[in-house]
Protein backbone atom coordinates (compact mmCIF):
# COMPACT_ATOMS: atom_id res chain seq x y z
CA MET A 1 -12.74 -11.94 -3.64
CA LEU A 2 -12.70 -8.46 -5.09
CA VAL A 3 -9.29 -6.89 -5.67
CA TYR A 4 -8.94 -3.15 -6.21
CA VAL A 5 -5.79 -1.94 -8.00
CA THR A 6 -4.95 1.60 -9.09
CA CYS A 7 -2.70 2.41 -12.04
CA PRO A 8 -1.16 5.62 -13.37
CA ASP A 9 -3.23 5.41 -16.56
CA LEU A 10 -5.87 3.43 -18.42
CA ASP A 11 -3.37 1.74 -20.74
CA GLU A 12 -1.55 0.17 -17.79
CA ALA A 13 -4.83 -0.85 -16.16
CA ARG A 14 -5.93 -2.50 -19.43
CA ARG A 15 -2.63 -4.31 -19.81
CA ILE A 16 -2.72 -5.66 -16.25
CA GLY A 17 -6.43 -6.50 -16.38
CA ARG A 18 -6.08 -8.40 -19.65
CA ALA A 19 -3.12 -10.38 -18.29
CA LEU A 20 -5.07 -11.34 -15.16
CA VAL A 21 -8.00 -12.66 -17.18
CA GLU A 22 -5.86 -14.34 -19.86
CA GLU A 23 -3.75 -16.08 -17.21
CA GLY A 24 -6.80 -17.34 -15.28
CA LEU A 25 -6.07 -15.21 -12.23
CA ALA A 26 -9.36 -13.29 -12.50
CA ALA A 27 -12.74 -14.12 -14.00
CA CYS A 28 -13.45 -10.50 -14.88
CA VAL A 29 -11.84 -7.09 -14.51
CA ASN A 30 -13.72 -3.78 -14.54
CA LEU A 31 -11.83 -0.62 -15.45
CA ARG A 32 -12.56 2.95 -14.36
CA THR A 33 -10.83 6.30 -14.71
CA HIS A 34 -10.93 8.94 -12.02
CA GLU A 35 -8.86 11.61 -10.33
CA THR A 36 -6.70 10.97 -7.30
CA ILE A 37 -5.45 13.15 -4.47
CA HIS A 38 -2.89 11.45 -2.27
CA ARG A 39 0.24 11.98 -0.22
CA TRP A 40 3.43 10.42 -1.59
CA GLN A 41 6.88 10.94 -0.11
CA GLY A 42 5.72 13.99 1.84
CA ALA A 43 4.03 15.80 -1.04
CA ILE A 44 0.38 16.07 -2.02
CA GLU A 45 -0.14 14.65 -5.52
CA GLN A 46 -3.22 15.13 -7.67
CA GLY A 47 -4.05 13.89 -11.15
CA PRO A 48 -5.74 11.31 -13.33
CA GLU A 49 -5.61 7.65 -12.43
CA ALA A 50 -7.21 4.39 -13.54
CA ALA A 51 -8.46 1.58 -11.36
CA LEU A 52 -9.28 -2.03 -11.95
CA LEU A 53 -11.57 -4.26 -9.92
CA ALA A 54 -10.75 -7.92 -10.37
CA LYS A 55 -13.09 -10.75 -9.42
CA THR A 56 -11.09 -13.75 -8.24
CA THR A 57 -10.92 -16.47 -5.60
CA ARG A 58 -9.13 -16.55 -2.29
CA ALA A 59 -6.94 -19.41 -3.56
CA ALA A 60 -5.81 -17.38 -6.58
CA TYR A 61 -5.18 -14.14 -4.67
CA PRO A 62 -1.47 -14.69 -3.86
CA ALA A 63 -0.65 -15.38 -7.53
CA LEU A 64 -2.80 -12.42 -8.65
CA GLU A 65 -1.02 -10.08 -6.23
CA ALA A 66 2.39 -11.30 -7.40
CA ARG A 67 1.42 -10.83 -11.05
CA VAL A 68 0.11 -7.30 -10.45
CA ARG A 69 3.34 -6.40 -8.64
CA ALA A 70 5.38 -7.78 -11.56
CA LEU A 71 3.40 -5.85 -14.19
CA HIS A 72 2.81 -2.59 -12.30
CA SER A 73 4.97 0.49 -12.90
CA CYS A 74 4.76 1.77 -9.31
CA SER A 75 7.14 0.54 -6.61
CA VAL A 76 4.29 0.37 -4.08
CA PRO A 77 1.08 -0.24 -6.04
CA CYS A 78 -2.34 0.05 -4.43
CA ILE A 79 -3.59 -3.54 -4.17
CA VAL A 80 -6.49 -3.94 -1.75
CA ALA A 81 -8.60 -7.07 -1.48
CA TRP A 82 -11.71 -8.05 0.38
CA THR A 83 -13.69 -11.24 0.56
CA VAL A 84 -17.22 -11.60 -0.73
CA ASP A 85 -19.51 -13.21 1.84
CA THR A 86 -22.74 -13.01 -0.12
CA GLY A 87 -23.74 -12.74 -3.75
CA LEU A 88 -25.79 -14.33 -6.48
CA PRO A 89 -24.75 -17.99 -6.17
CA GLU A 90 -24.65 -18.55 -9.93
CA TYR A 91 -22.37 -15.54 -10.38
CA LEU A 92 -20.03 -16.63 -7.62
CA ASP A 93 -19.95 -20.13 -9.15
CA TRP A 94 -19.01 -18.55 -12.50
CA ILE A 95 -16.11 -16.72 -10.86
CA ALA A 96 -14.90 -19.94 -9.23
CA ALA A 97 -15.13 -21.83 -12.52
CA SER A 98 -13.45 -19.06 -14.54
CA VAL A 99 -10.43 -18.62 -12.26
CA THR A 100 -8.15 -21.43 -13.33
CA ALA A 101 -4.91 -20.40 -11.60
CA ARG A 102 -4.64 -21.64 -8.05
């Protein structure tokens, strides 16, 4: 699975990403910074944001989601996941072997 999470800043994204890898919830986390435009509580918000893309397994997803919610500063964090149907078999095997939390 790939799990996309946005954070208010790069420091928070780093902190969450490191925890996910250290705790065996993700094999790898990529970090990016960008700008966001979104509606929140009736107002249009715009500003910098950071995102992380975690590579994990379907079995570990519930624990990963719970951990992100516990570490995240937002009351309703963006956590979006999708399954990977195809990929380099050796890479997908590495993800499965690296994710130790089930």
